[in-house]
């Protein structure tokens, strides 16, 4: 092989490798349920809302309290699985309910990001609607077992019974 085709082949191979690295989608996400993702900023907002602490407060928020982060991630994952299952049953979550929760959060916790409030409102509304189904716990365990769920290993792993737990 002459140097010119060898260089061209090497350039094509490097381009393929580089483009493959660019498609890694979980690099900035702490959790994923199917194609729905949770960023670290959204997780920080969820912890702030669920534990009523200022976003970024080192004593109670994500960097300072891994257990609070795991609980918030568990709630988010449960909400995402619930929303997916409700959609498959043609029992979507009410937009009015989501907007009402967001408005209450904006008034009570004005420092929380809009995306954090939206994530919390959607999760809460989905969990509430899912809870109205017959045997929601058994239904959730079966649904979550068949759902593609990713948790950043820094936070642990997810199973449908225990939620997000530390790696052991």
Protein backbone atom coordinates (compact mmCIF):
# COMPACT_ATOMS: atom_id res chain seq x y z
CA UNK A 1 0.00 0.00 0.00
CA UNK A 2 1.39 3.40 -0.92
CA UNK A 3 1.59 6.08 1.76
CA UNK A 4 -1.32 8.16 0.39
CA UNK A 5 -3.99 5.36 0.62
CA UNK A 6 -2.58 4.32 4.00
CA UNK A 7 -2.95 7.85 5.35
CA UNK A 8 -6.50 8.07 3.95
CA UNK A 9 -7.46 4.75 5.54
CA UNK A 10 -5.97 5.84 8.86
CA UNK A 11 -7.86 9.16 8.69
CA UNK A 12 -11.15 7.34 8.02
CA UNK A 13 -10.53 4.94 10.92
CA UNK A 14 -9.72 7.81 13.30
CA UNK A 15 -12.84 9.70 12.20
CA UNK A 16 -14.98 6.63 12.88
CA UNK A 17 -13.46 6.19 16.33
CA UNK A 18 -13.87 9.88 17.18
CA UNK A 19 -17.51 9.95 16.06
CA UNK A 20 -18.21 6.84 18.13
CA UNK A 21 -16.92 8.60 21.25
CA UNK A 22 -19.11 11.62 20.56
CA UNK A 23 -22.26 9.51 20.64
CA UNK A 24 -21.81 8.35 24.24
CA UNK A 25 -24.99 9.88 25.65
CA UNK A 26 -24.69 9.26 29.39
CA UNK A 27 -21.51 11.27 29.93
CA UNK A 28 -23.36 14.22 31.51
CA UNK A 29 -26.29 12.30 32.94
CA UNK A 30 -26.65 10.70 36.34
CA UNK A 31 -29.61 8.54 35.31
CA UNK A 32 -31.52 7.44 32.22
CA UNK A 33 -34.83 5.65 31.74
CA UNK A 34 -35.19 4.59 28.11
CA UNK A 35 -34.49 7.88 26.27
CA UNK A 36 -35.29 10.19 29.21
CA UNK A 37 -32.26 11.59 31.02
CA UNK A 38 -31.53 13.23 34.36
CA UNK A 39 -28.59 15.66 34.51
CA UNK A 40 -26.60 16.45 37.64
CA UNK A 41 -28.14 19.95 37.71
CA UNK A 42 -31.65 18.50 37.56
CA UNK A 43 -30.74 16.03 40.31
CA UNK A 44 -29.48 18.90 42.46
CA UNK A 45 -32.80 20.68 41.97
CA UNK A 46 -34.77 17.52 42.84
CA UNK A 47 -32.79 17.06 46.06
CA UNK A 48 -33.42 20.69 46.95
CA UNK A 49 -37.16 20.31 46.39
CA UNK A 50 -37.57 16.95 48.11
CA UNK A 51 -35.51 17.88 51.15
CA UNK A 52 -36.39 21.61 51.19
CA UNK A 53 -32.79 22.82 51.12
CA UNK A 54 -31.24 25.54 48.97
CA UNK A 55 -29.92 24.26 45.66
CA UNK A 56 -26.18 23.72 46.03
CA UNK A 57 -26.16 23.72 49.86
CA UNK A 58 -23.12 21.54 50.56
CA UNK A 59 -24.55 20.12 53.78
CA UNK A 60 -27.65 18.54 52.29
CA UNK A 61 -27.52 18.66 48.53
CA UNK A 62 -26.01 16.26 46.00
CA UNK A 63 -22.29 16.73 46.73
CA UNK A 64 -22.77 16.50 50.48
CA UNK A 65 -25.42 13.82 50.85
CA UNK A 66 -25.32 10.78 48.60
CA UNK A 67 -28.31 9.16 50.31
CA UNK A 68 -30.51 12.17 49.50
CA UNK A 69 -29.29 12.02 45.90
CA UNK A 70 -30.08 8.30 45.65
CA UNK A 71 -33.58 8.86 47.04
CA UNK A 72 -34.24 11.71 44.60
CA UNK A 73 -32.92 9.56 41.73
CA UNK A 74 -35.16 6.69 42.80
CA UNK A 75 -38.20 8.97 42.79
CA UNK A 76 -37.26 10.33 39.36
CA UNK A 77 -36.79 6.81 37.95
CA UNK A 78 -40.11 5.65 39.42
CA UNK A 79 -41.79 8.68 37.85
CA UNK A 80 -40.26 8.01 34.44
CA UNK A 81 -41.26 4.35 34.45
CA UNK A 82 -44.74 5.39 35.58
CA UNK A 83 -45.03 7.98 32.79
CA UNK A 84 -43.93 5.44 30.17
CA UNK A 85 -46.42 2.85 31.38
CA UNK A 86 -49.25 5.38 31.64
CA UNK A 87 -48.57 6.46 28.05
CA UNK A 88 -48.69 2.84 26.89
CA UNK A 89 -52.08 2.51 28.64
CA UNK A 90 -53.31 5.77 27.02
CA UNK A 91 -53.63 7.28 30.50
CA UNK A 92 -51.33 10.26 30.18
CA UNK A 93 -50.57 12.68 32.97
CA UNK A 94 -52.68 15.85 33.13
CA UNK A 95 -50.87 18.96 31.89
CA UNK A 96 -52.98 21.01 34.30
CA UNK A 97 -51.72 18.96 37.25
CA UNK A 98 -48.11 19.38 36.14
CA UNK A 99 -48.54 23.14 35.72
CA UNK A 100 -50.22 23.42 39.12
CA UNK A 101 -47.33 21.62 40.83
CA UNK A 102 -44.80 23.80 38.98
CA UNK A 103 -46.62 26.98 40.05
CA UNK A 104 -46.67 25.86 43.70
CA UNK A 105 -42.95 25.10 43.55
CA UNK A 106 -42.15 28.45 41.91
CA UNK A 107 -43.91 30.23 44.76
CA UNK A 108 -42.50 28.09 47.57
CA UNK A 109 -38.97 27.62 46.20
CA UNK A 110 -38.20 30.47 43.77
CA UNK A 111 -34.46 29.71 43.65
CA UNK A 112 -34.98 26.27 42.10
CA UNK A 113 -34.30 26.13 38.37
CA UNK A 114 -37.23 25.95 35.98
CA UNK A 115 -35.99 22.63 34.58
CA UNK A 116 -35.75 21.25 38.12
CA UNK A 117 -39.31 22.32 38.90
CA UNK A 118 -40.50 20.79 35.62
CA UNK A 119 -38.72 17.50 36.34
CA UNK A 120 -40.19 17.33 39.83
CA UNK A 121 -43.71 18.25 38.67
CA UNK A 122 -43.74 15.67 35.89
CA UNK A 123 -42.39 12.98 38.22
CA UNK A 124 -44.90 13.76 40.98
CA UNK A 125 -47.86 13.84 38.61
CA UNK A 126 -46.86 10.52 36.98
CA UNK A 127 -46.37 8.79 40.35
CA UNK A 128 -49.73 10.09 41.56
CA UNK A 129 -51.56 8.88 38.43
CA UNK A 130 -49.73 5.54 38.47
CA UNK A 131 -50.74 5.02 42.09
CA UNK A 132 -54.39 4.96 40.99
CA UNK A 133 -53.83 1.80 38.93
CA UNK A 134 -54.78 -1.60 40.38
CA UNK A 135 -51.82 -3.19 42.20
CA UNK A 136 -49.40 -0.38 41.33
CA UNK A 137 -46.43 -1.86 43.20
CA UNK A 138 -46.54 -5.19 41.42
CA UNK A 139 -47.20 -3.42 38.12
CA UNK A 140 -44.22 -1.10 38.70
CA UNK A 141 -41.82 -3.94 39.56
CA UNK A 142 -42.78 -5.81 36.39
CA UNK A 143 -42.57 -2.66 34.25
CA UNK A 144 -39.23 -1.50 35.68
CA UNK A 145 -37.74 -4.96 35.19
CA UNK A 146 -38.45 -4.65 31.45
CA UNK A 147 -37.25 -1.03 31.13
CA UNK A 148 -33.77 0.17 30.14
CA UNK A 149 -32.58 1.99 33.27
CA UNK A 150 -29.09 3.43 33.77
CA UNK A 151 -27.65 4.91 36.97
CA UNK A 152 -24.23 6.53 37.09
CA UNK A 153 -22.12 4.09 39.13
CA UNK A 154 -20.92 6.97 41.35
CA UNK A 155 -24.41 6.93 42.83
CA UNK A 156 -24.98 3.18 42.80
CA UNK A 157 -27.29 0.86 40.93
CA UNK A 158 -31.07 0.54 40.53
CA UNK A 159 -33.37 -2.36 41.18
CA UNK A 160 -37.18 -2.12 41.17
CA UNK A 161 -37.62 -3.23 44.79
CA UNK A 162 -34.94 -1.19 46.59
CA UNK A 163 -34.48 1.75 44.23
CA UNK A 164 -31.03 3.29 43.84
CA UNK A 165 -28.60 1.68 46.27
CA UNK A 166 -24.85 2.07 46.73
CA UNK A 167 -22.58 -0.33 44.91
CA UNK A 168 -21.27 -2.98 47.25
